[in-house]
Amino acid sequence: MTIAALVGPEGKIFGIDPAPEMVEAARRAAARLGFRNAQFEVSSADRLPFPADTFDAVVSRFGVMFFPSPVDAVREMLRVLKPGRRLALAVWNSANRNPFFYILQRVIERYVDSPPPAPDSPDAFRFAIPGKLRNVLSEAGAIAPSERLLQFDVQASISVEDFWMLRSEMSEKLRETLATLSGEQRGEVKRQGLEALREYYTKRGMTFPAEVLIVSGTKNRPE
């Protein structure tokens, strides 16, 4: 939606997601906000439903870490880009730099053993290692791939209790982990989680420092 606002009524954006429910939610949000320049389709990143050399830019926010084949997906992004235009991908930096994630995870780990994911399995922090995603762009054929660190705050104008409910419902991994606990353990996890989260409550609601890697590259121009 921020990109739709940025390009204005003369521009046009297309959003894709493999989950029909996400696409429907995006369509409802665009209609509610009055964006007529935004369309959304059900599709996977490694088979984009667009002709080659179509777009001025391709952006993926927090998606590439879950792609089955990131190299194939980036090749598809380059295919649909116009020559000389850029793609940009946002991925989370390490978990210990993003308390939005690790606060509740540390509480959960007191009750459940959580082995680390395999090195290249789909995970929020799959590309937290500096240079890893930049190398994917190089392998896919992007020109002059670059990487920069973006530091910002994650803010939500909600209470600590509402944030707990939001996170426990939004994260499939967290929901599944909580389901393995006894009722008494779930109650204790919630109590400890709320206590830990209060450190990040301000007059504006929940505020977490966050770090993201922005990795970008350019499509080659034909000679």
Protein backbone atom coordinates (compact mmCIF):
# COMPACT_ATOMS: atom_id res chain seq x y z
CA MET A 1 0.00 0.00 0.00
CA THR A 2 2.88 2.37 0.68
CA ILE A 3 4.16 1.77 -2.86
CA ALA A 4 0.70 2.35 -4.33
CA ALA A 5 0.61 5.68 -2.53
CA LEU A 6 4.14 6.50 -3.71
CA VAL A 7 3.53 5.93 -7.43
CA GLY A 8 0.19 7.75 -7.34
CA PRO A 9 -2.81 7.31 -9.64
CA GLU A 10 -0.64 7.45 -12.77
CA GLY A 11 1.36 4.41 -11.64
CA LYS A 12 0.29 0.83 -11.18
CA ILE A 13 1.40 -1.94 -8.85
CA PHE A 14 0.82 -5.70 -8.84
CA GLY A 15 1.12 -7.76 -5.68
CA ILE A 16 1.37 -11.55 -5.58
CA ASP A 17 1.16 -14.17 -2.83
CA PRO A 18 0.69 -17.95 -2.97
CA ALA A 19 -2.00 -17.82 -0.25
CA PRO A 20 -5.48 -16.87 -1.55
CA GLU A 21 -6.41 -15.57 1.90
CA MET A 22 -3.52 -13.09 1.82
CA VAL A 23 -4.51 -11.89 -1.64
CA GLU A 24 -8.11 -11.37 -0.55
CA ALA A 25 -6.95 -9.45 2.51
CA ALA A 26 -4.78 -7.22 0.29
CA ARG A 27 -7.70 -6.56 -2.06
CA ARG A 28 -9.93 -5.58 0.86
CA ALA A 29 -7.25 -3.25 2.23
CA ALA A 30 -6.74 -1.59 -1.16
CA ALA A 31 -10.49 -1.05 -1.54
CA ARG A 32 -10.78 0.34 1.98
CA LEU A 33 -7.94 2.80 1.35
CA GLY A 34 -9.28 3.77 -2.08
CA PHE A 35 -6.30 2.55 -4.13
CA ARG A 36 -7.45 1.85 -7.68
CA ASN A 37 -3.89 1.45 -8.95
CA ALA A 38 -3.21 -1.78 -7.04
CA GLN A 39 -4.02 -5.31 -8.20
CA PHE A 40 -3.32 -8.59 -6.45
CA GLU A 41 -3.02 -12.12 -7.81
CA VAL A 42 -2.43 -15.60 -6.40
CA SER A 43 0.96 -16.72 -7.65
CA SER A 44 4.34 -18.05 -6.51
CA ALA A 45 7.51 -16.01 -6.79
CA ASP A 46 9.30 -18.52 -9.01
CA ARG A 47 6.51 -18.42 -11.67
CA LEU A 48 5.38 -14.83 -12.01
CA PRO A 49 2.32 -14.34 -14.26
CA PHE A 50 3.77 -11.40 -16.19
CA PRO A 51 5.58 -10.92 -19.52
CA ALA A 52 9.30 -10.22 -19.59
CA ASP A 53 10.52 -6.62 -19.35
CA THR A 54 7.29 -5.35 -17.77
CA PHE A 55 8.12 -3.52 -14.53
CA ASP A 56 10.12 -0.49 -13.45
CA ALA A 57 10.85 -2.08 -10.05
CA VAL A 58 10.35 -5.32 -8.14
CA VAL A 59 10.14 -5.35 -4.34
CA SER A 60 9.81 -8.17 -1.83
CA ARG A 61 9.44 -7.43 1.86
CA PHE A 62 10.15 -10.38 4.14
CA GLY A 63 9.23 -12.99 1.55
CA VAL A 64 12.43 -14.35 0.01
CA MET A 65 13.42 -16.23 3.18
CA PHE A 66 10.41 -18.51 2.65
CA PHE A 67 10.86 -19.16 -1.08
CA PRO A 68 11.53 -22.83 -1.97
CA SER A 69 14.23 -21.71 -4.43
CA PRO A 70 15.41 -18.13 -3.85
CA VAL A 71 17.72 -18.20 -6.88
CA ASP A 72 14.88 -19.21 -9.22
CA ALA A 73 12.62 -16.56 -7.69
CA VAL A 74 15.21 -13.80 -8.18
CA ARG A 75 15.69 -14.93 -11.79
CA GLU A 76 11.94 -14.53 -12.28
CA MET A 77 12.06 -11.06 -10.74
CA LEU A 78 14.85 -10.12 -13.13
CA ARG A 79 12.90 -11.57 -16.07
CA VAL A 80 9.90 -9.31 -15.49
CA LEU A 81 12.03 -6.21 -14.83
CA LYS A 82 12.82 -3.78 -17.60
CA PRO A 83 16.54 -3.70 -18.52
CA GLY A 84 18.52 -1.37 -16.30
CA ARG A 85 15.85 -1.33 -13.57
CA ARG A 86 16.27 -2.51 -9.99
CA LEU A 87 14.89 -5.06 -7.57
CA ALA A 88 15.09 -4.73 -3.78
CA LEU A 89 14.53 -7.39 -1.10
CA ALA A 90 14.08 -6.82 2.63
CA VAL A 91 15.06 -9.57 5.11
CA TRP A 92 15.44 -9.59 8.88
CA ASN A 93 18.87 -9.20 10.40
CA SER A 94 19.81 -11.64 13.18
CA ALA A 95 17.18 -12.58 15.77
CA ASN A 96 19.14 -11.06 18.66
CA ARG A 97 18.84 -7.65 16.93
CA ASN A 98 15.05 -7.93 16.64
CA PRO A 99 13.27 -8.21 20.01
CA PHE A 100 9.91 -8.25 18.20
CA PHE A 101 10.79 -11.90 17.57
CA TYR A 102 13.12 -13.01 20.32
CA ILE A 103 11.32 -11.74 23.44
CA LEU A 104 8.59 -14.38 23.32
CA GLN A 105 10.89 -17.01 21.82
CA ARG A 106 13.19 -16.81 24.85
CA VAL A 107 10.25 -17.36 27.17
CA ILE A 108 9.03 -20.34 25.11
CA GLU A 109 12.49 -21.92 25.14
CA ARG A 110 12.26 -22.29 28.94
CA TYR A 111 9.58 -24.92 28.35
CA VAL A 112 10.26 -26.34 24.88
CA ASP A 113 13.52 -27.39 23.25
CA SER A 114 13.79 -25.49 19.98
CA PRO A 115 16.58 -26.91 17.79
CA PRO A 116 17.94 -24.39 15.30
CA PRO A 117 16.58 -24.73 11.75
CA ALA A 118 18.71 -26.34 9.05
CA PRO A 119 21.08 -23.79 7.45
CA ASP A 120 18.94 -23.15 4.36
CA SER A 121 15.45 -24.12 5.47
CA PRO A 122 12.60 -21.57 5.23
CA ASP A 123 12.88 -19.38 8.31
CA ALA A 124 12.51 -15.69 9.18
CA PHE A 125 16.28 -15.41 9.69
CA ARG A 126 17.40 -17.51 6.75
CA PHE A 127 19.29 -14.56 5.21
CA ALA A 128 20.44 -12.83 8.39
CA ILE A 129 24.08 -13.67 7.61
CA PRO A 130 25.58 -10.63 5.84
CA GLY A 131 26.30 -11.33 2.20
CA LYS A 132 24.22 -14.50 1.93
CA LEU A 133 21.30 -12.97 0.03
CA ARG A 134 23.62 -10.72 -1.96
CA ASN A 135 25.30 -13.90 -3.22
CA VAL A 136 21.88 -15.24 -4.27
CA LEU A 137 21.36 -12.13 -6.40
CA SER A 138 24.78 -12.61 -7.98
CA GLU A 139 24.04 -16.25 -8.80
CA ALA A 140 20.69 -15.26 -10.33
CA GLY A 141 22.35 -12.75 -12.64
CA ALA A 142 21.72 -9.39 -10.95
CA ILE A 143 24.23 -6.67 -11.75
CA ALA A 144 26.14 -4.89 -8.94
CA PRO A 145 24.20 -6.41 -6.02
CA SER A 146 24.47 -4.37 -2.84
CA GLU A 147 23.47 -4.69 0.80
CA ARG A 148 22.76 -2.13 3.49
CA LEU A 149 21.55 -2.22 7.07
CA LEU A 150 18.31 -0.42 7.92
CA GLN A 151 17.60 0.34 11.58
CA PHE A 152 14.12 1.48 12.59
CA ASP A 153 11.35 0.96 15.15
CA VAL A 154 8.44 -1.44 14.86
CA GLN A 155 5.48 0.41 16.36
CA ALA A 156 1.93 -0.70 17.11
CA SER A 157 -0.62 1.44 18.94
CA ILE A 158 -1.88 -1.43 21.05
CA SER A 159 -1.61 -2.66 24.63
CA VAL A 160 0.81 -5.31 25.86
CA GLU A 161 -2.07 -7.79 26.16
CA ASP A 162 -3.31 -7.08 22.64
CA PHE A 163 0.21 -7.49 21.30
CA TRP A 164 0.49 -10.90 22.96
CA MET A 165 -2.77 -11.97 21.33
CA LEU A 166 -1.66 -10.62 17.94
CA ARG A 167 1.69 -12.44 18.01
CA SER A 168 0.24 -15.71 19.29
CA GLU A 169 -2.38 -15.70 16.53
CA MET A 170 -0.21 -14.35 13.71
CA SER A 171 2.74 -16.73 14.09
CA GLU A 172 1.95 -20.28 12.98
CA LYS A 173 5.16 -21.50 14.61
CA LEU A 174 4.25 -19.88 17.94
CA ARG A 175 0.69 -21.26 17.79
CA GLU A 176 1.96 -24.78 17.17
CA THR A 177 4.49 -24.53 19.99
CA LEU A 178 1.94 -23.24 22.50
CA ALA A 179 -0.40 -26.09 21.53
CA THR A 180 2.19 -28.62 22.76
CA LEU A 181 2.18 -27.15 26.29
CA SER A 182 -0.14 -27.99 29.15
CA GLY A 183 -2.73 -25.44 30.21
CA GLU A 184 -0.64 -24.56 33.25
CA GLN A 185 2.49 -24.08 31.12
CA ARG A 186 0.63 -21.91 28.60
CA GLY A 187 -0.59 -19.72 31.45
CA GLU A 188 2.94 -19.35 32.79
CA VAL A 189 4.36 -18.60 29.33
CA LYS A 190 1.76 -15.89 28.86
CA ARG A 191 2.50 -14.37 32.29
CA GLN A 192 6.24 -14.31 31.67
CA GLY A 193 5.75 -13.11 28.10
CA LEU A 194 3.60 -10.16 29.18
CA GLU A 195 6.17 -9.27 31.82
CA ALA A 196 8.99 -9.27 29.26
CA LEU A 197 6.96 -7.29 26.72
CA ARG A 198 6.19 -4.47 29.16
CA GLU A 199 9.78 -3.26 28.73
CA TYR A 200 8.80 -2.21 25.19
CA TYR A 201 5.55 -0.44 26.03
CA THR A 202 5.53 3.34 25.61
CA LYS A 203 2.94 6.10 25.49
CA ARG A 204 2.63 5.32 21.75
CA GLY A 205 1.99 1.62 22.38
CA MET A 206 4.44 -1.19 21.64
CA THR A 207 7.80 -0.02 20.25
CA PHE A 208 10.62 -2.40 19.31
CA PRO A 209 14.02 -1.54 17.82
CA ALA A 210 14.52 -3.51 14.61
CA GLU A 211 17.20 -4.23 12.02
CA VAL A 212 16.68 -5.26 8.41
CA LEU A 213 19.03 -5.97 5.53
CA ILE A 214 18.08 -4.32 2.23
CA VAL A 215 19.61 -6.23 -0.68
CA SER A 216 19.22 -4.86 -4.19
CA GLY A 217 20.50 -5.37 -7.72
CA THR A 218 19.97 -4.30 -11.32
CA LYS A 219 18.86 -6.12 -14.46
CA ASN A 220 21.51 -6.17 -17.16
CA ARG A 221 20.96 -4.06 -20.27
CA PRO A 222 21.31 -5.93 -23.56
CA GLU A 223 24.39 -4.91 -25.53
